[in-house]
Amino acid sequence: MEQTFRPVLTIRIFGEEKCFGPGVAELLRRVRELHSLRAAAMSIGMAYSKAWTILKNAQLSLGFKLLDSTTGGKHGGGARLTPEGETLLDAYDCYCARLRTYAQELFSETFDGILPL
């Protein structure tokens, strides 16, 4: 069986330390969809406490909140992305998509005739 080759990029944003990357982005996407950090964590097989720690560390490093959350009660709890969280996630996804497109073009130019693409 002949295999084909492709580049695989993982984009992480660093300040002093890593503060945002594919894991935080996926967690935020799930919160956007499910309106709950607990449900988002569960949907990717992550403990709620770990999700909360990852999110808290990202927020501290970035200097702004990514989520607004309310605790349960009569109307139940929930979470939603802050406007800054929405903007960051959308910008990150756009940046990653553009880089992957460029990386594929460059890879094809560079390795055409050398590797099966």
N, C-alpha and C. Protein backbone atom coordinates (compact mmCIF):
# COMPACT_ATOMS: atom_id res chain seq x y z
N MET A 1 0.84 -1.18 0.00
CA MET A 1 0.00 0.00 0.00
C MET A 1 0.89 1.25 0.00
N GLU A 2 0.65 2.11 -0.96
CA GLU A 2 1.43 3.34 -1.05
C GLU A 2 0.81 4.39 -0.14
N GLN A 3 1.65 5.08 0.58
CA GLN A 3 1.14 6.13 1.46
C GLN A 3 1.42 7.49 0.85
N THR A 4 0.63 8.46 1.24
CA THR A 4 0.86 9.83 0.81
C THR A 4 1.28 10.63 2.04
N PHE A 5 1.96 11.72 1.80
CA PHE A 5 2.48 12.53 2.89
C PHE A 5 1.84 13.90 2.89
N ARG A 6 1.78 14.49 4.08
CA ARG A 6 1.18 15.81 4.26
C ARG A 6 1.79 16.45 5.49
N PRO A 7 1.78 17.76 5.56
CA PRO A 7 2.26 18.42 6.78
C PRO A 7 1.14 18.43 7.83
N VAL A 8 1.51 18.39 9.08
CA VAL A 8 0.56 18.51 10.18
C VAL A 8 1.10 19.58 11.12
N LEU A 9 0.35 20.66 11.27
CA LEU A 9 0.78 21.76 12.13
C LEU A 9 -0.07 21.80 13.38
N THR A 10 0.56 22.12 14.50
CA THR A 10 -0.15 22.39 15.74
C THR A 10 0.26 23.79 16.18
N ILE A 11 -0.70 24.67 16.31
CA ILE A 11 -0.42 26.06 16.62
C ILE A 11 -0.71 26.33 18.09
N ARG A 12 0.29 26.85 18.78
CA ARG A 12 0.15 27.24 20.18
C ARG A 12 0.60 28.68 20.32
N ILE A 13 -0.08 29.41 21.18
CA ILE A 13 0.26 30.81 21.45
C ILE A 13 0.96 30.87 22.80
N PHE A 14 2.12 31.51 22.82
CA PHE A 14 2.92 31.63 24.03
C PHE A 14 3.06 33.09 24.42
N GLY A 15 3.06 33.32 25.72
CA GLY A 15 3.53 34.56 26.31
C GLY A 15 4.82 34.14 27.01
N GLU A 16 4.85 34.26 28.31
CA GLU A 16 5.95 33.68 29.08
C GLU A 16 5.88 32.16 29.01
N GLU A 17 4.67 31.64 28.99
CA GLU A 17 4.41 30.21 28.89
C GLU A 17 3.29 30.00 27.87
N LYS A 18 3.03 28.74 27.54
CA LYS A 18 1.92 28.45 26.63
C LYS A 18 0.62 28.92 27.28
N CYS A 19 -0.18 29.65 26.52
CA CYS A 19 -1.43 30.12 27.09
C CYS A 19 -2.66 29.75 26.26
N PHE A 20 -2.46 29.37 25.00
CA PHE A 20 -3.62 29.02 24.17
C PHE A 20 -3.16 28.08 23.08
N GLY A 21 -3.97 27.07 22.82
CA GLY A 21 -3.63 26.12 21.77
C GLY A 21 -4.83 25.28 21.42
N PRO A 22 -4.60 24.16 20.75
CA PRO A 22 -5.73 23.36 20.27
C PRO A 22 -6.62 22.80 21.38
N GLY A 23 -6.06 22.49 22.53
CA GLY A 23 -6.87 21.97 23.63
C GLY A 23 -7.83 22.99 24.19
N VAL A 24 -7.33 24.19 24.46
CA VAL A 24 -8.19 25.26 24.98
C VAL A 24 -9.23 25.64 23.92
N ALA A 25 -8.79 25.70 22.67
CA ALA A 25 -9.71 26.05 21.58
C ALA A 25 -10.85 25.04 21.48
N GLU A 26 -10.53 23.74 21.56
CA GLU A 26 -11.57 22.73 21.47
C GLU A 26 -12.52 22.81 22.67
N LEU A 27 -11.98 23.07 23.84
CA LEU A 27 -12.81 23.24 25.02
C LEU A 27 -13.77 24.40 24.84
N LEU A 28 -13.28 25.51 24.32
CA LEU A 28 -14.15 26.68 24.08
C LEU A 28 -15.20 26.40 23.01
N ARG A 29 -14.82 25.68 21.96
CA ARG A 29 -15.80 25.31 20.93
C ARG A 29 -16.94 24.49 21.54
N ARG A 30 -16.56 23.57 22.40
CA ARG A 30 -17.58 22.71 23.05
C ARG A 30 -18.45 23.52 24.01
N VAL A 31 -17.86 24.46 24.72
CA VAL A 31 -18.66 25.33 25.60
C VAL A 31 -19.64 26.14 24.76
N ARG A 32 -19.16 26.65 23.64
CA ARG A 32 -20.02 27.42 22.73
C ARG A 32 -21.22 26.58 22.30
N GLU A 33 -20.98 25.32 22.04
CA GLU A 33 -22.02 24.41 21.57
C GLU A 33 -22.93 23.93 22.69
N LEU A 34 -22.34 23.58 23.83
CA LEU A 34 -23.07 22.92 24.90
C LEU A 34 -23.50 23.84 26.04
N HIS A 35 -22.97 25.05 26.08
CA HIS A 35 -23.31 26.06 27.10
C HIS A 35 -23.00 25.60 28.52
N SER A 36 -21.95 24.80 28.65
CA SER A 36 -21.58 24.28 29.96
C SER A 36 -20.13 23.81 29.91
N LEU A 37 -19.31 24.27 30.87
CA LEU A 37 -17.94 23.81 30.94
C LEU A 37 -17.90 22.34 31.34
N ARG A 38 -18.76 21.94 32.25
CA ARG A 38 -18.79 20.54 32.68
C ARG A 38 -19.15 19.63 31.52
N ALA A 39 -20.18 19.98 30.75
CA ALA A 39 -20.58 19.18 29.59
C ALA A 39 -19.49 19.18 28.51
N ALA A 40 -18.84 20.33 28.32
CA ALA A 40 -17.76 20.43 27.34
C ALA A 40 -16.62 19.50 27.72
N ALA A 41 -16.22 19.53 28.99
CA ALA A 41 -15.14 18.66 29.46
C ALA A 41 -15.52 17.20 29.29
N MET A 42 -16.73 16.86 29.67
CA MET A 42 -17.19 15.47 29.58
C MET A 42 -17.19 15.01 28.12
N SER A 43 -17.56 15.88 27.20
CA SER A 43 -17.66 15.50 25.79
C SER A 43 -16.30 15.17 25.17
N ILE A 44 -15.22 15.65 25.77
CA ILE A 44 -13.90 15.32 25.26
C ILE A 44 -13.13 14.40 26.22
N GLY A 45 -13.84 13.86 27.19
CA GLY A 45 -13.23 12.90 28.10
C GLY A 45 -12.25 13.52 29.09
N MET A 46 -12.52 14.75 29.48
CA MET A 46 -11.64 15.46 30.40
C MET A 46 -12.37 15.70 31.72
N ALA A 47 -11.66 15.59 32.80
CA ALA A 47 -12.24 15.89 34.11
C ALA A 47 -12.58 17.38 34.18
N TYR A 48 -13.70 17.69 34.81
CA TYR A 48 -14.12 19.08 34.96
C TYR A 48 -13.04 19.91 35.66
N SER A 49 -12.42 19.33 36.68
CA SER A 49 -11.39 20.06 37.42
C SER A 49 -10.20 20.40 36.52
N LYS A 50 -9.84 19.50 35.63
CA LYS A 50 -8.74 19.77 34.70
C LYS A 50 -9.15 20.86 33.71
N ALA A 51 -10.36 20.77 33.19
CA ALA A 51 -10.86 21.79 32.25
C ALA A 51 -10.84 23.17 32.91
N TRP A 52 -11.29 23.22 34.15
CA TRP A 52 -11.32 24.50 34.87
C TRP A 52 -9.90 25.03 35.08
N THR A 53 -8.97 24.16 35.43
CA THR A 53 -7.58 24.58 35.64
C THR A 53 -6.97 25.09 34.34
N ILE A 54 -7.17 24.37 33.25
CA ILE A 54 -6.65 24.79 31.94
C ILE A 54 -7.21 26.16 31.57
N LEU A 55 -8.49 26.31 31.74
CA LEU A 55 -9.16 27.57 31.40
C LEU A 55 -8.66 28.71 32.28
N LYS A 56 -8.56 28.46 33.59
CA LYS A 56 -8.09 29.48 34.53
C LYS A 56 -6.67 29.92 34.19
N ASN A 57 -5.79 28.97 33.88
CA ASN A 57 -4.41 29.30 33.52
C ASN A 57 -4.34 30.10 32.23
N ALA A 58 -5.17 29.74 31.26
CA ALA A 58 -5.20 30.48 29.99
C ALA A 58 -5.65 31.92 30.24
N GLN A 59 -6.68 32.08 31.03
CA GLN A 59 -7.20 33.42 31.33
C GLN A 59 -6.16 34.27 32.05
N LEU A 60 -5.46 33.67 33.00
CA LEU A 60 -4.41 34.41 33.72
C LEU A 60 -3.30 34.84 32.77
N SER A 61 -2.87 33.95 31.90
CA SER A 61 -1.80 34.28 30.96
C SER A 61 -2.23 35.33 29.94
N LEU A 62 -3.46 35.20 29.46
CA LEU A 62 -3.95 36.12 28.43
C LEU A 62 -4.31 37.49 29.00
N GLY A 63 -4.73 37.51 30.25
CA GLY A 63 -5.09 38.78 30.88
C GLY A 63 -6.55 39.16 30.69
N PHE A 64 -7.38 38.23 30.24
CA PHE A 64 -8.81 38.49 30.13
C PHE A 64 -9.59 37.19 30.25
N LYS A 65 -10.87 37.33 30.60
CA LYS A 65 -11.73 36.17 30.77
C LYS A 65 -12.14 35.60 29.42
N LEU A 66 -12.21 34.29 29.36
CA LEU A 66 -12.69 33.61 28.17
C LEU A 66 -14.13 33.14 28.31
N LEU A 67 -14.54 32.89 29.55
CA LEU A 67 -15.89 32.39 29.83
C LEU A 67 -16.58 33.22 30.89
N ASP A 68 -17.88 33.35 30.73
CA ASP A 68 -18.76 33.82 31.79
C ASP A 68 -19.57 32.62 32.20
N SER A 69 -19.63 32.34 33.49
CA SER A 69 -20.39 31.19 33.93
C SER A 69 -21.28 31.57 35.09
N THR A 70 -22.38 30.82 35.21
CA THR A 70 -23.29 30.98 36.33
C THR A 70 -23.46 29.63 36.99
N THR A 71 -23.58 29.64 38.29
CA THR A 71 -23.77 28.39 39.02
C THR A 71 -25.23 27.97 38.92
N GLY A 72 -25.47 26.72 39.22
CA GLY A 72 -26.83 26.18 39.16
C GLY A 72 -27.76 26.88 40.13
N GLY A 73 -28.97 26.52 40.08
CA GLY A 73 -29.99 27.12 40.93
C GLY A 73 -31.33 26.87 40.28
N LYS A 74 -32.26 27.75 40.54
CA LYS A 74 -33.62 27.60 40.02
C LYS A 74 -33.64 27.44 38.49
N HIS A 75 -32.82 28.24 37.81
CA HIS A 75 -32.80 28.20 36.35
C HIS A 75 -31.60 27.43 35.80
N GLY A 76 -30.86 26.77 36.66
CA GLY A 76 -29.70 26.00 36.22
C GLY A 76 -28.51 26.89 35.92
N GLY A 77 -27.35 26.30 35.85
CA GLY A 77 -26.14 27.05 35.56
C GLY A 77 -25.81 26.98 34.09
N GLY A 78 -24.69 27.51 33.77
CA GLY A 78 -24.27 27.46 32.38
C GLY A 78 -23.02 28.29 32.17
N ALA A 79 -22.53 28.26 30.96
CA ALA A 79 -21.35 29.03 30.61
C ALA A 79 -21.48 29.49 29.17
N ARG A 80 -20.88 30.61 28.90
CA ARG A 80 -20.81 31.11 27.54
C ARG A 80 -19.49 31.84 27.37
N LEU A 81 -19.04 31.91 26.14
CA LEU A 81 -17.80 32.63 25.86
C LEU A 81 -18.02 34.12 26.03
N THR A 82 -17.04 34.79 26.59
CA THR A 82 -17.08 36.25 26.66
C THR A 82 -16.87 36.78 25.24
N PRO A 83 -17.16 38.05 25.01
CA PRO A 83 -16.86 38.62 23.69
C PRO A 83 -15.38 38.47 23.33
N GLU A 84 -14.49 38.62 24.32
CA GLU A 84 -13.05 38.43 24.07
C GLU A 84 -12.74 36.98 23.75
N GLY A 85 -13.41 36.06 24.43
CA GLY A 85 -13.22 34.64 24.15
C GLY A 85 -13.69 34.29 22.74
N GLU A 86 -14.83 34.82 22.34
CA GLU A 86 -15.35 34.60 20.98
C GLU A 86 -14.36 35.14 19.94
N THR A 87 -13.89 36.36 20.17
CA THR A 87 -12.97 36.99 19.22
C THR A 87 -11.67 36.20 19.12
N LEU A 88 -11.12 35.79 20.26
CA LEU A 88 -9.87 35.03 20.26
C LEU A 88 -10.04 33.69 19.56
N LEU A 89 -11.11 32.97 19.86
CA LEU A 89 -11.34 31.67 19.25
C LEU A 89 -11.51 31.79 17.74
N ASP A 90 -12.29 32.76 17.31
CA ASP A 90 -12.48 32.96 15.87
C ASP A 90 -11.17 33.33 15.18
N ALA A 91 -10.39 34.22 15.80
CA ALA A 91 -9.11 34.62 15.22
C ALA A 91 -8.15 33.44 15.17
N TYR A 92 -8.10 32.65 16.22
CA TYR A 92 -7.23 31.47 16.28
C TYR A 92 -7.61 30.48 15.17
N ASP A 93 -8.91 30.20 15.03
CA ASP A 93 -9.35 29.26 14.01
C ASP A 93 -9.01 29.77 12.61
N CYS A 94 -9.20 31.05 12.36
CA CYS A 94 -8.88 31.64 11.06
C CYS A 94 -7.38 31.56 10.80
N TYR A 95 -6.59 31.92 11.79
CA TYR A 95 -5.12 31.89 11.68
C TYR A 95 -4.65 30.47 11.36
N CYS A 96 -5.17 29.49 12.10
CA CYS A 96 -4.77 28.09 11.88
C CYS A 96 -5.15 27.63 10.48
N ALA A 97 -6.35 27.97 10.03
CA ALA A 97 -6.79 27.55 8.70
C ALA A 97 -5.90 28.15 7.62
N ARG A 98 -5.56 29.43 7.76
CA ARG A 98 -4.71 30.08 6.78
C ARG A 98 -3.30 29.48 6.78
N LEU A 99 -2.77 29.21 7.97
CA LEU A 99 -1.44 28.60 8.04
C LEU A 99 -1.43 27.20 7.44
N ARG A 100 -2.47 26.43 7.69
CA ARG A 100 -2.53 25.07 7.15
C ARG A 100 -2.63 25.10 5.62
N THR A 101 -3.38 26.04 5.09
CA THR A 101 -3.47 26.18 3.64
C THR A 101 -2.11 26.52 3.05
N TYR A 102 -1.45 27.49 3.65
CA TYR A 102 -0.12 27.88 3.17
C TYR A 102 0.88 26.74 3.33
N ALA A 103 0.82 26.06 4.47
CA ALA A 103 1.74 24.95 4.72
C ALA A 103 1.55 23.85 3.67
N GLN A 104 0.31 23.56 3.31
CA GLN A 104 0.06 22.53 2.30
C GLN A 104 0.61 22.96 0.95
N GLU A 105 0.41 24.22 0.58
CA GLU A 105 0.95 24.72 -0.68
C GLU A 105 2.48 24.64 -0.70
N LEU A 106 3.11 25.10 0.36
CA LEU A 106 4.57 25.08 0.45
C LEU A 106 5.10 23.66 0.46
N PHE A 107 4.42 22.77 1.18
CA PHE A 107 4.81 21.37 1.23
C PHE A 107 4.76 20.76 -0.16
N SER A 108 3.68 21.02 -0.88
CA SER A 108 3.54 20.49 -2.24
C SER A 108 4.63 21.01 -3.15
N GLU A 109 4.90 22.31 -3.07
CA GLU A 109 6.00 22.90 -3.87
C GLU A 109 7.33 22.26 -3.54
N THR A 110 7.61 22.10 -2.27
CA THR A 110 8.89 21.65 -1.79
C THR A 110 9.14 20.17 -2.03
N PHE A 111 8.12 19.36 -1.83
CA PHE A 111 8.31 17.90 -1.85
C PHE A 111 7.74 17.20 -3.07
N ASP A 112 7.15 17.96 -4.00
CA ASP A 112 6.63 17.36 -5.24
C ASP A 112 7.77 16.66 -5.98
N GLY A 113 7.57 15.43 -6.34
CA GLY A 113 8.59 14.65 -7.04
C GLY A 113 9.55 13.92 -6.10
N ILE A 114 9.49 14.27 -4.83
CA ILE A 114 10.36 13.61 -3.85
C ILE A 114 9.54 12.61 -3.01
N LEU A 115 8.36 13.07 -2.57
CA LEU A 115 7.46 12.23 -1.78
C LEU A 115 6.13 12.09 -2.51
N PRO A 116 5.43 10.98 -2.33
CA PRO A 116 4.08 10.88 -2.89
C PRO A 116 3.12 11.81 -2.11
N LEU A 117 2.48 12.69 -2.83
CA LEU A 117 1.60 13.67 -2.16
C LEU A 117 0.15 13.32 -2.35
